[in-house]
Amino acid sequence: MIEAAKKYDRIVQNGTHLRAQTGRKQAVDLLRDGVIDDLYMARAFVYNPRQGIGREDDCPVPQGVDYNL
């Protein structure tokens, strides 16, 4: 992601909010405490539909913002 951002001169964002959930934090703590040993690989895929965050059409669009981009 970092290489692509530099190559295409773009700003990128990656969501990490799920790391704060209790189950994930507990798993990381167990791993760090040595309870879970010799972890080779972990993968996760989450496909959840979500509603939009909304948009106020009455608010003026700040200069330089292109909602259609």
N, C-alpha and C. Protein backbone atom coordinates (compact mmCIF):
# COMPACT_ATOMS: atom_id res chain seq x y z
N MET A 1 0.83 -1.18 0.00
CA MET A 1 0.00 0.00 0.00
C MET A 1 0.88 1.25 0.00
N ILE A 2 1.96 1.21 0.78
CA ILE A 2 2.86 2.36 0.85
C ILE A 2 3.53 2.60 -0.50
N GLU A 3 3.97 1.51 -1.13
CA GLU A 3 4.62 1.64 -2.44
C GLU A 3 3.65 2.22 -3.47
N ALA A 4 2.40 1.77 -3.47
CA ALA A 4 1.40 2.27 -4.41
C ALA A 4 1.12 3.74 -4.16
N ALA A 5 1.03 4.13 -2.89
CA ALA A 5 0.77 5.53 -2.56
C ALA A 5 1.89 6.42 -3.08
N LYS A 6 3.12 5.97 -2.92
CA LYS A 6 4.25 6.76 -3.42
C LYS A 6 4.28 6.77 -4.94
N LYS A 7 4.05 5.60 -5.55
CA LYS A 7 4.11 5.49 -7.01
C LYS A 7 3.09 6.38 -7.69
N TYR A 8 1.85 6.38 -7.16
CA TYR A 8 0.78 7.13 -7.79
C TYR A 8 0.53 8.49 -7.14
N ASP A 9 1.39 8.87 -6.19
CA ASP A 9 1.29 10.16 -5.51
C ASP A 9 -0.12 10.38 -4.95
N ARG A 10 -0.56 9.42 -4.15
CA ARG A 10 -1.91 9.45 -3.56
C ARG A 10 -1.83 9.29 -2.05
N ILE A 11 -2.86 9.75 -1.38
CA ILE A 11 -3.02 9.53 0.04
C ILE A 11 -3.92 8.32 0.20
N VAL A 12 -3.53 7.40 1.05
CA VAL A 12 -4.32 6.18 1.25
C VAL A 12 -4.72 6.07 2.71
N GLN A 13 -5.74 5.27 2.96
CA GLN A 13 -6.23 5.06 4.32
C GLN A 13 -6.53 3.58 4.49
N ASN A 14 -6.23 3.06 5.65
CA ASN A 14 -6.52 1.67 5.95
C ASN A 14 -7.24 1.62 7.29
N GLY A 15 -8.37 0.94 7.33
CA GLY A 15 -9.12 0.86 8.57
C GLY A 15 -8.50 -0.12 9.55
N THR A 16 -8.36 0.30 10.79
CA THR A 16 -7.80 -0.57 11.83
C THR A 16 -8.69 -0.59 13.07
N HIS A 17 -9.89 -0.09 12.94
CA HIS A 17 -10.76 0.02 14.11
C HIS A 17 -11.14 -1.34 14.70
N LEU A 18 -11.11 -2.38 13.91
CA LEU A 18 -11.50 -3.70 14.42
C LEU A 18 -10.48 -4.29 15.39
N ARG A 19 -9.25 -3.76 15.39
CA ARG A 19 -8.24 -4.27 16.32
C ARG A 19 -8.63 -4.02 17.76
N ALA A 20 -9.50 -3.07 18.00
CA ALA A 20 -9.87 -2.69 19.37
C ALA A 20 -10.93 -3.61 19.97
N GLN A 21 -11.53 -4.49 19.17
CA GLN A 21 -12.58 -5.36 19.70
C GLN A 21 -12.00 -6.34 20.71
N THR A 22 -12.78 -6.68 21.71
CA THR A 22 -12.33 -7.48 22.84
C THR A 22 -11.68 -8.81 22.43
N GLY A 23 -12.33 -9.57 21.57
CA GLY A 23 -11.80 -10.87 21.17
C GLY A 23 -10.45 -10.78 20.50
N ARG A 24 -10.28 -9.80 19.65
CA ARG A 24 -8.99 -9.63 18.96
C ARG A 24 -7.90 -9.20 19.93
N LYS A 25 -8.24 -8.30 20.81
CA LYS A 25 -7.27 -7.85 21.81
C LYS A 25 -6.85 -9.00 22.70
N GLN A 26 -7.80 -9.82 23.11
CA GLN A 26 -7.49 -10.97 23.95
C GLN A 26 -6.57 -11.94 23.21
N ALA A 27 -6.83 -12.19 21.94
CA ALA A 27 -5.98 -13.09 21.15
C ALA A 27 -4.56 -12.56 21.06
N VAL A 28 -4.41 -11.27 20.83
CA VAL A 28 -3.08 -10.66 20.75
C VAL A 28 -2.38 -10.76 22.10
N ASP A 29 -3.11 -10.51 23.17
CA ASP A 29 -2.52 -10.62 24.51
C ASP A 29 -2.05 -12.05 24.78
N LEU A 30 -2.85 -13.05 24.41
CA LEU A 30 -2.47 -14.45 24.60
C LEU A 30 -1.23 -14.78 23.78
N LEU A 31 -1.16 -14.26 22.59
CA LEU A 31 0.00 -14.49 21.73
C LEU A 31 1.25 -13.87 22.36
N ARG A 32 1.14 -12.65 22.82
CA ARG A 32 2.28 -11.95 23.43
C ARG A 32 2.70 -12.59 24.75
N ASP A 33 1.74 -13.17 25.48
CA ASP A 33 2.05 -13.80 26.76
C ASP A 33 2.60 -15.22 26.59
N GLY A 34 2.65 -15.71 25.36
CA GLY A 34 3.20 -17.03 25.11
C GLY A 34 2.20 -18.16 25.24
N VAL A 35 0.92 -17.86 25.49
CA VAL A 35 -0.09 -18.90 25.59
C VAL A 35 -0.31 -19.54 24.22
N ILE A 36 -0.35 -18.73 23.19
CA ILE A 36 -0.43 -19.21 21.81
C ILE A 36 1.00 -19.25 21.30
N ASP A 37 1.45 -20.44 20.89
CA ASP A 37 2.86 -20.62 20.54
C ASP A 37 3.00 -20.93 19.05
N ASP A 38 4.11 -20.52 18.50
CA ASP A 38 4.49 -20.84 17.12
C ASP A 38 3.40 -20.51 16.10
N LEU A 39 2.90 -19.32 16.12
CA LEU A 39 1.91 -18.88 15.15
C LEU A 39 2.59 -18.71 13.80
N TYR A 40 2.09 -19.41 12.80
CA TYR A 40 2.68 -19.34 11.47
C TYR A 40 2.03 -18.26 10.62
N MET A 41 0.71 -18.24 10.56
CA MET A 41 0.03 -17.28 9.71
C MET A 41 -1.41 -17.10 10.20
N ALA A 42 -1.92 -15.91 10.01
CA ALA A 42 -3.33 -15.65 10.31
C ALA A 42 -3.90 -14.81 9.17
N ARG A 43 -5.08 -15.16 8.72
CA ARG A 43 -5.76 -14.40 7.67
C ARG A 43 -7.19 -14.14 8.10
N ALA A 44 -7.72 -13.05 7.65
CA ALA A 44 -9.11 -12.74 7.95
C ALA A 44 -9.73 -11.99 6.78
N PHE A 45 -10.93 -12.37 6.43
CA PHE A 45 -11.69 -11.69 5.40
C PHE A 45 -13.07 -11.39 5.96
N VAL A 46 -13.47 -10.15 5.88
CA VAL A 46 -14.78 -9.76 6.39
C VAL A 46 -15.50 -9.00 5.30
N TYR A 47 -16.66 -9.52 4.92
CA TYR A 47 -17.47 -8.86 3.91
C TYR A 47 -18.82 -8.55 4.53
N ASN A 48 -18.94 -7.39 5.09
CA ASN A 48 -20.19 -6.98 5.72
C ASN A 48 -20.74 -5.75 5.01
N PRO A 49 -22.00 -5.81 4.60
CA PRO A 49 -22.59 -4.59 4.04
C PRO A 49 -22.79 -3.56 5.14
N ARG A 50 -22.64 -2.32 4.81
CA ARG A 50 -22.89 -1.28 5.80
C ARG A 50 -23.62 -0.13 5.14
N GLN A 51 -24.34 0.59 5.94
CA GLN A 51 -25.06 1.74 5.44
C GLN A 51 -24.10 2.90 5.27
N GLY A 52 -24.47 3.82 4.40
CA GLY A 52 -23.65 5.00 4.20
C GLY A 52 -23.63 5.88 5.44
N ILE A 53 -22.64 6.73 5.52
CA ILE A 53 -22.53 7.61 6.67
C ILE A 53 -23.37 8.88 6.49
N GLY A 54 -23.97 9.00 5.32
CA GLY A 54 -24.84 10.13 5.06
C GLY A 54 -24.09 11.33 4.52
N ARG A 55 -24.84 12.29 4.04
CA ARG A 55 -24.24 13.50 3.49
C ARG A 55 -25.26 14.62 3.59
N GLU A 56 -24.84 15.73 4.07
CA GLU A 56 -25.72 16.88 4.19
C GLU A 56 -25.65 17.67 2.88
N ASP A 57 -26.71 17.63 2.08
CA ASP A 57 -26.72 18.35 0.82
C ASP A 57 -26.79 19.86 1.01
N ASP A 58 -27.21 20.30 2.19
CA ASP A 58 -27.32 21.73 2.44
C ASP A 58 -25.99 22.38 2.77
N CYS A 59 -24.99 21.57 3.12
CA CYS A 59 -23.68 22.12 3.48
C CYS A 59 -22.91 22.50 2.22
N PRO A 60 -22.24 23.62 2.24
CA PRO A 60 -21.42 23.98 1.08
C PRO A 60 -20.22 23.04 0.95
N VAL A 61 -19.88 22.70 -0.27
CA VAL A 61 -18.73 21.82 -0.52
C VAL A 61 -17.47 22.64 -0.37
N PRO A 62 -16.54 22.20 0.48
CA PRO A 62 -15.29 22.94 0.64
C PRO A 62 -14.51 23.00 -0.67
N GLN A 63 -13.80 24.08 -0.88
CA GLN A 63 -13.04 24.24 -2.10
C GLN A 63 -12.00 23.12 -2.20
N GLY A 64 -11.90 22.52 -3.38
CA GLY A 64 -10.95 21.45 -3.61
C GLY A 64 -11.51 20.05 -3.36
N VAL A 65 -12.74 19.93 -2.84
CA VAL A 65 -13.34 18.63 -2.61
C VAL A 65 -14.20 18.26 -3.81
N ASP A 66 -13.96 17.07 -4.36
CA ASP A 66 -14.72 16.57 -5.49
C ASP A 66 -15.43 15.29 -5.06
N TYR A 67 -16.71 15.38 -4.68
CA TYR A 67 -17.45 14.21 -4.24
C TYR A 67 -17.58 13.15 -5.33
N ASN A 68 -17.44 13.53 -6.58
CA ASN A 68 -17.58 12.57 -7.67
C ASN A 68 -16.26 11.89 -8.04
N LEU A 69 -15.19 12.24 -7.36
CA LEU A 69 -13.87 11.68 -7.67
C LEU A 69 -13.81 10.22 -7.34
